[in-house]
Amino acid sequence: MGKARRLTAALLLACSVLLSSPAFSTPDQTQTQTQTQRGRIIATKDNPIQVELAKNIARQIARPAGLNLDLRYSSGSPDTLSLLAAKDGIQLGMLQSDVKTAYELASQEGRSRPQQLLDPLRVVAPLHDEIVYFIVRHDAPINALHQIAGARINVGPLDGGTALTAATLYRLMFGTPLPAAKASFLPHDKALVKLLTDRSIDVVVLVAPRTAKLLSEMTPKARRFIKLLAFDPGHSTSSEVLKTYHTASISPVTHPNLVSTELTALAMQIYLVTREQNENDSMGLERMAAIWCKEFPGIQARWAHERPTSAPEPALAPGWRYSQAFEKAHRSCP
């Protein structure tokens, strides 16, 4: 098995650990020659916000700093981590902020976590929020997130970010892995069909922007068939969850056919992260940081509705640190 395939397999196993997997290991990596001032920026292929942000960051910030970043697509945060391990120039990628918590939970089970993948990563900047949606049938006897213990839960494809988040949240809330027998890995649209037809699924989890296309395009009839579960910050299961995630509102403005009043949900930040490898890479990132304050607000303006508006910027999730170059830049930004 090739090195890239071994890395991807290791990352998928991290999700499996949180789903009662028996083992987790990481492969060795060999040093390869890097090409300074070249590299790539990685975005989730099915996430239009990430893709557009990546294109504009590469064009308006990296290129004037003398960096030529190719856009690379991933299937989600586990896949992005694997791609960030490449040693062929500057690496930038978009990751969910709960990734480190997920692997830390795996390590508590006596499994090793891929330190060579995670430890070199530093946050360039938080980009936007993504909401964790929990969808159930309208006639389900539950209304809150802490009531899903024992439910049959679809977490999306195993290599996607939703699976990692669903498994992490379940472990934080209930202190036990999501039972493998209760988990399914269907694409979200197919899972919704099974939720409503043969009822072999009780909960469909979806991690997506506030303007999630799958939900925002539903017709007014949708409320007769499905509903969203609320998060109760005061419940006994919530304290550990709120160390990694923060609360957000699902609004009738963005989802008029699903909610009639604002509903409290969980959210996470999407981080742009970098993997600093050598002095030349650091110099290139410093040049990028010098341009960041001037250009990024304009890039981000189109997606302002995806960012928190009622609370200050959340602190970085556990285990994350800022890139030294960008931490200085953020302090000097107006």
Protein backbone atom coordinates (compact mmCIF):
# COMPACT_ATOMS: atom_id res chain seq x y z
CA MET A 1 0.00 0.00 0.00
CA GLY A 2 1.39 3.44 -0.94
CA LYS A 3 2.15 6.16 1.58
CA ALA A 4 -0.83 8.36 0.62
CA ARG A 5 -3.23 5.42 0.86
CA ARG A 6 -1.80 4.43 4.26
CA LEU A 7 -2.32 7.98 5.54
CA THR A 8 -5.91 8.07 4.32
CA ALA A 9 -6.59 4.70 5.91
CA ALA A 10 -5.19 5.94 9.23
CA LEU A 11 -7.42 8.99 9.17
CA LEU A 12 -10.53 6.94 8.45
CA LEU A 13 -9.62 4.72 11.38
CA ALA A 14 -9.79 7.75 13.69
CA CYS A 15 -13.52 7.96 12.95
CA SER A 16 -13.78 4.22 13.53
CA VAL A 17 -12.13 4.54 16.94
CA LEU A 18 -14.89 6.89 17.99
CA LEU A 19 -17.35 4.31 16.66
CA SER A 20 -15.92 1.51 18.86
CA SER A 21 -13.17 0.56 16.41
CA PRO A 22 -10.63 -1.92 17.86
CA ALA A 23 -7.47 -0.19 16.69
CA PHE A 24 -5.88 3.03 15.50
CA SER A 25 -2.36 3.49 14.15
CA THR A 26 -0.41 5.87 11.93
CA PRO A 27 2.22 5.12 9.34
CA ASP A 28 5.73 6.44 9.15
CA GLN A 29 6.49 9.15 6.65
CA THR A 30 9.68 9.85 4.78
CA GLN A 31 11.11 13.28 4.25
CA THR A 32 10.79 14.57 0.69
CA GLN A 33 12.31 17.57 -0.90
CA THR A 34 10.04 20.61 -0.70
CA GLN A 35 9.66 23.27 -3.34
CA THR A 36 9.57 26.64 -1.64
CA GLN A 37 7.07 29.29 -2.70
CA ARG A 38 4.82 26.67 -4.25
CA GLY A 39 2.15 24.60 -2.65
CA ARG A 40 -1.58 24.14 -2.45
CA ILE A 41 -4.73 25.18 -0.67
CA ILE A 42 -7.25 22.44 0.13
CA ALA A 43 -11.04 22.86 0.35
CA THR A 44 -13.92 20.41 0.70
CA LYS A 45 -15.24 19.84 -2.82
CA ASP A 46 -18.95 19.89 -1.89
CA ASN A 47 -18.70 23.07 0.19
CA PRO A 48 -19.16 26.13 -2.06
CA ILE A 49 -18.07 28.56 0.66
CA GLN A 50 -14.78 26.77 1.21
CA VAL A 51 -14.12 26.46 -2.52
CA GLU A 52 -14.74 30.14 -3.24
CA LEU A 53 -12.74 31.29 -0.20
CA ALA A 54 -9.84 29.06 -1.27
CA LYS A 55 -9.83 30.44 -4.81
CA ASN A 56 -9.89 34.04 -3.64
CA ILE A 57 -7.24 33.55 -0.94
CA ALA A 58 -4.96 31.94 -3.52
CA ARG A 59 -5.55 34.73 -6.03
CA GLN A 60 -5.77 37.87 -3.87
CA ILE A 61 -3.49 37.08 -0.93
CA ALA A 62 -1.08 34.27 -1.79
CA ARG A 63 -0.22 35.31 -5.33
CA PRO A 64 0.75 38.92 -4.43
CA ALA A 65 2.93 37.40 -1.69
CA GLY A 66 4.82 35.42 -4.31
CA LEU A 67 3.15 32.09 -3.52
CA ASN A 68 1.65 29.92 -6.23
CA LEU A 69 -1.03 27.79 -4.57
CA ASP A 70 -2.90 25.13 -6.50
CA LEU A 71 -6.46 24.38 -5.44
CA ARG A 72 -6.95 20.80 -4.30
CA TYR A 73 -10.28 19.26 -3.37
CA SER A 74 -10.95 16.90 -0.49
CA SER A 75 -13.95 14.87 0.66
CA GLY A 76 -13.83 16.36 4.17
CA SER A 77 -11.59 17.10 7.13
CA PRO A 78 -10.10 13.57 7.47
CA ASP A 79 -9.12 13.65 3.79
CA THR A 80 -7.79 17.21 4.16
CA LEU A 81 -5.51 16.07 6.99
CA SER A 82 -4.09 13.39 4.77
CA LEU A 83 -3.44 15.86 1.96
CA LEU A 84 -1.81 18.35 4.35
CA ALA A 85 0.85 15.72 5.09
CA ALA A 86 2.43 16.28 1.65
CA LYS A 87 5.90 17.79 1.82
CA ASP A 88 6.04 19.53 -1.52
CA GLY A 89 5.75 23.18 -0.55
CA ILE A 90 3.49 25.41 1.48
CA GLN A 91 0.33 23.65 2.56
CA LEU A 92 -2.91 25.41 3.49
CA GLY A 93 -6.16 23.61 4.24
CA MET A 94 -9.63 24.16 5.64
CA LEU A 95 -10.41 22.02 8.68
CA GLN A 96 -13.24 21.72 11.18
CA SER A 97 -12.21 23.02 14.58
CA ASP A 98 -13.24 19.76 16.31
CA VAL A 99 -10.64 17.63 14.52
CA LYS A 100 -8.11 17.74 17.36
CA THR A 101 -10.73 16.88 19.96
CA ALA A 102 -11.74 13.87 17.84
CA TYR A 103 -8.21 12.50 17.77
CA GLU A 104 -7.64 13.29 21.43
CA LEU A 105 -10.68 11.18 22.30
CA ALA A 106 -9.22 8.40 20.17
CA SER A 107 -5.93 8.59 22.09
CA GLN A 108 -7.78 8.28 25.40
CA GLU A 109 -8.86 4.83 24.29
CA GLY A 110 -5.22 3.78 24.27
CA ARG A 111 -4.78 4.36 20.55
CA SER A 112 -2.02 6.53 19.16
CA ARG A 113 -3.04 9.65 17.25
CA PRO A 114 -1.28 10.88 14.11
CA GLN A 115 0.96 13.43 15.80
CA GLN A 116 3.06 13.87 12.68
CA LEU A 117 -0.10 15.10 10.93
CA LEU A 118 -1.68 17.22 13.66
CA ASP A 119 1.14 18.71 15.70
CA PRO A 120 2.74 20.81 12.91
CA LEU A 121 -0.59 22.46 12.05
CA ARG A 122 -1.22 26.08 13.04
CA VAL A 123 -4.30 28.24 12.52
CA VAL A 124 -4.03 31.02 9.95
CA ALA A 125 -7.53 32.35 10.76
CA PRO A 126 -11.05 31.20 11.63
CA LEU A 127 -13.10 31.56 8.45
CA HIS A 128 -16.76 30.91 9.17
CA ASP A 129 -19.22 28.83 11.17
CA GLU A 130 -20.71 25.51 10.22
CA ILE A 131 -23.82 24.20 11.95
CA VAL A 132 -24.41 20.65 13.14
CA TYR A 133 -27.95 19.78 12.07
CA PHE A 134 -29.79 16.84 13.69
CA ILE A 135 -32.81 15.88 11.59
CA VAL A 136 -35.58 13.57 12.79
CA ARG A 137 -39.09 12.67 11.68
CA HIS A 138 -41.76 15.18 12.61
CA ASP A 139 -43.55 12.60 14.75
CA ALA A 140 -40.40 11.52 16.62
CA PRO A 141 -40.89 11.63 20.42
CA ILE A 142 -37.69 13.65 20.89
CA ASN A 143 -37.00 17.36 20.47
CA ALA A 144 -33.53 17.87 21.93
CA LEU A 145 -30.06 16.68 21.07
CA HIS A 146 -29.43 15.00 24.43
CA GLN A 147 -32.30 12.59 23.68
CA ILE A 148 -30.55 10.75 20.83
CA ALA A 149 -28.77 8.14 23.00
CA GLY A 150 -29.46 4.72 21.53
CA ALA A 151 -30.95 6.09 18.30
CA ARG A 152 -30.02 4.78 14.85
CA ILE A 153 -27.93 7.62 13.46
CA ASN A 154 -26.72 8.28 9.94
CA VAL A 155 -23.43 10.18 10.06
CA GLY A 156 -22.70 10.49 6.35
CA PRO A 157 -19.76 8.98 4.45
CA LEU A 158 -16.98 7.70 6.71
CA ASP A 159 -14.36 9.92 5.05
CA GLY A 160 -16.43 13.09 5.55
CA GLY A 161 -16.36 15.67 8.30
CA THR A 162 -19.92 14.93 9.46
CA ALA A 163 -18.97 11.39 10.53
CA LEU A 164 -16.08 12.68 12.58
CA THR A 165 -18.24 15.36 14.23
CA ALA A 166 -21.18 13.05 14.94
CA ALA A 167 -18.94 10.48 16.60
CA THR A 168 -17.13 13.17 18.62
CA LEU A 169 -20.35 14.79 19.84
CA TYR A 170 -21.84 11.45 20.84
CA ARG A 171 -18.75 10.60 22.89
CA LEU A 172 -18.69 14.02 24.58
CA MET A 173 -22.39 13.91 25.45
CA PHE A 174 -22.74 10.34 26.64
CA GLY A 175 -19.21 9.30 27.60
CA THR A 176 -19.31 6.30 25.29
CA PRO A 177 -18.71 5.70 21.58
CA LEU A 178 -21.56 5.75 19.13
CA PRO A 179 -22.30 2.03 18.83
CA ALA A 180 -21.24 0.71 15.45
CA ALA A 181 -24.51 -1.20 15.17
CA LYS A 182 -26.42 2.08 15.48
CA ALA A 183 -24.39 4.01 12.88
CA SER A 184 -24.92 4.20 9.13
CA PHE A 185 -22.84 5.98 6.50
CA LEU A 186 -25.22 6.84 3.69
CA PRO A 187 -25.05 10.14 1.77
CA HIS A 188 -27.31 12.69 3.45
CA ASP A 189 -29.99 12.77 0.76
CA LYS A 190 -30.33 8.98 0.68
CA ALA A 191 -30.42 8.86 4.46
CA LEU A 192 -33.31 11.34 4.52
CA VAL A 193 -35.26 9.08 2.18
CA LYS A 194 -34.77 6.11 4.49
CA LEU A 195 -35.61 8.26 7.51
CA LEU A 196 -39.06 8.89 6.03
CA THR A 197 -39.78 5.68 4.10
CA ASP A 198 -38.64 2.44 5.75
CA ARG A 199 -37.78 4.30 8.99
CA SER A 200 -34.58 2.29 9.42
CA ILE A 201 -32.83 5.52 10.45
CA ASP A 202 -33.92 7.71 13.38
CA VAL A 203 -31.53 10.67 13.08
CA VAL A 204 -29.68 12.19 10.14
CA VAL A 205 -26.67 14.34 11.05
CA LEU A 206 -25.47 17.02 8.66
CA VAL A 207 -22.57 19.45 9.13
CA ALA A 208 -23.04 22.36 6.75
CA PRO A 209 -23.02 26.16 6.48
CA ARG A 210 -25.97 28.17 7.77
CA THR A 211 -27.32 28.28 4.24
CA ALA A 212 -27.18 24.49 3.82
CA LYS A 213 -28.50 23.82 0.33
CA LEU A 214 -30.08 20.48 1.24
CA LEU A 215 -32.21 22.19 3.91
CA SER A 216 -32.72 25.70 2.56
CA GLU A 217 -34.22 24.38 -0.68
CA MET A 218 -36.87 22.28 1.05
CA THR A 219 -40.49 23.12 0.29
CA PRO A 220 -43.04 24.36 2.85
CA LYS A 221 -44.37 20.79 3.09
CA ALA A 222 -41.09 19.69 4.70
CA ARG A 223 -42.23 20.74 8.17
CA ARG A 224 -44.96 18.11 8.00
CA PHE A 225 -42.34 15.36 7.70
CA ILE A 226 -39.14 16.39 9.48
CA LYS A 227 -37.91 18.63 12.28
CA LEU A 228 -34.60 19.77 13.69
CA LEU A 229 -33.44 18.92 17.20
CA ALA A 230 -32.49 21.78 19.53
CA PHE A 231 -29.41 21.92 21.75
CA ASP A 232 -30.00 22.64 25.45
CA PRO A 233 -26.93 24.42 26.89
CA GLY A 234 -28.22 23.86 30.43
CA HIS A 235 -28.51 20.08 30.21
CA SER A 236 -26.04 17.93 32.13
CA THR A 237 -24.64 16.48 28.89
CA SER A 238 -23.73 19.92 27.52
CA SER A 239 -20.76 21.07 29.60
CA GLU A 240 -18.16 18.89 27.87
CA VAL A 241 -19.66 19.62 24.46
CA LEU A 242 -19.30 23.38 24.92
CA LYS A 243 -15.54 23.07 25.46
CA THR A 244 -15.17 22.19 21.79
CA TYR A 245 -18.32 23.58 20.13
CA HIS A 246 -20.31 26.80 20.55
CA THR A 247 -23.97 27.59 20.20
CA ALA A 248 -25.58 29.15 17.14
CA SER A 249 -29.11 29.94 15.99
CA ILE A 250 -30.96 28.31 13.13
CA SER A 251 -33.17 31.10 11.86
CA PRO A 252 -36.50 31.18 10.00
CA VAL A 253 -34.78 33.67 7.69
CA THR A 254 -32.43 31.01 6.31
CA HIS A 255 -34.71 28.00 6.84
CA PRO A 256 -38.29 29.31 6.59
CA ASN A 257 -39.72 25.93 5.69
CA LEU A 258 -38.16 24.10 8.64
CA VAL A 259 -38.36 26.40 11.68
CA SER A 260 -40.88 29.04 12.68
CA THR A 261 -38.80 30.46 15.55
CA GLU A 262 -35.08 30.58 16.20
CA LEU A 263 -33.67 27.26 17.32
CA THR A 264 -30.45 26.82 19.33
CA ALA A 265 -27.97 24.48 17.67
CA LEU A 266 -24.30 23.58 17.89
CA ALA A 267 -21.66 25.01 15.60
CA MET A 268 -17.94 24.90 15.00
CA GLN A 269 -15.48 27.11 13.23
CA ILE A 270 -13.80 26.25 9.96
CA TYR A 271 -10.12 27.07 10.30
CA LEU A 272 -7.68 27.85 7.55
CA VAL A 273 -4.59 26.03 8.79
CA THR A 274 -1.02 25.83 7.59
CA ARG A 275 1.77 23.35 7.95
CA GLU A 276 5.02 25.26 8.40
CA GLN A 277 7.93 23.17 7.22
CA ASN A 278 11.07 25.26 6.72
CA GLU A 279 12.45 28.80 6.81
CA ASN A 280 11.47 29.60 3.22
CA ASP A 281 7.89 28.51 3.87
CA SER A 282 7.77 30.69 6.99
CA MET A 283 8.98 33.69 5.02
CA GLY A 284 6.32 33.13 2.39
CA LEU A 285 3.63 32.89 5.08
CA GLU A 286 4.88 36.11 6.66
CA ARG A 287 4.47 37.88 3.31
CA MET A 288 0.95 36.45 3.10
CA ALA A 289 0.20 37.63 6.63
CA ALA A 290 1.26 41.16 5.71
CA ILE A 291 -1.41 41.22 2.97
CA TRP A 292 -4.11 39.40 4.96
CA CYS A 293 -5.56 42.35 6.87
CA LYS A 294 -6.01 44.40 3.72
CA GLU A 295 -7.54 41.76 1.45
CA PHE A 296 -9.34 39.17 3.54
CA PRO A 297 -12.24 41.34 4.84
CA GLY A 298 -13.32 41.95 1.25
CA ILE A 299 -13.06 38.26 0.41
CA GLN A 300 -15.08 37.32 3.45
CA ALA A 301 -17.76 39.98 3.02
CA ARG A 302 -19.88 37.81 0.73
CA TRP A 303 -20.13 35.17 3.44
CA ALA A 304 -20.67 37.52 6.38
CA HIS A 305 -23.99 35.83 7.17
CA GLU A 306 -22.10 32.60 7.87
CA ARG A 307 -20.13 34.16 10.71
CA PRO A 308 -21.26 34.68 14.32
CA THR A 309 -23.08 38.01 14.64
CA SER A 310 -24.37 37.98 18.24
CA ALA A 311 -21.18 37.00 20.05
CA PRO A 312 -17.46 37.77 19.87
CA GLU A 313 -15.18 35.53 17.85
CA PRO A 314 -14.93 32.20 19.74
CA ALA A 315 -11.56 31.26 21.21
CA LEU A 316 -9.67 28.56 19.36
CA ALA A 317 -10.90 25.06 20.09
CA PRO A 318 -8.82 22.86 22.43
CA GLY A 319 -5.39 21.93 21.12
CA TRP A 320 -5.13 24.62 18.43
CA ARG A 321 -2.52 27.38 18.22
CA TYR A 322 -2.16 30.27 15.82
CA SER A 323 0.58 30.45 13.25
CA GLN A 324 3.14 32.83 14.68
CA ALA A 325 3.23 34.94 11.53
CA PHE A 326 -0.55 35.31 11.38
CA GLU A 327 -1.00 35.84 15.11
CA LYS A 328 1.16 38.95 14.77
CA ALA A 329 -0.83 40.03 11.72
CA HIS A 330 -4.18 39.63 13.49
CA ARG A 331 -2.99 41.77 16.40
CA SER A 332 -2.06 44.55 14.00
CA CYS A 333 -5.27 44.40 11.95
CA PRO A 334 -7.55 47.42 12.40
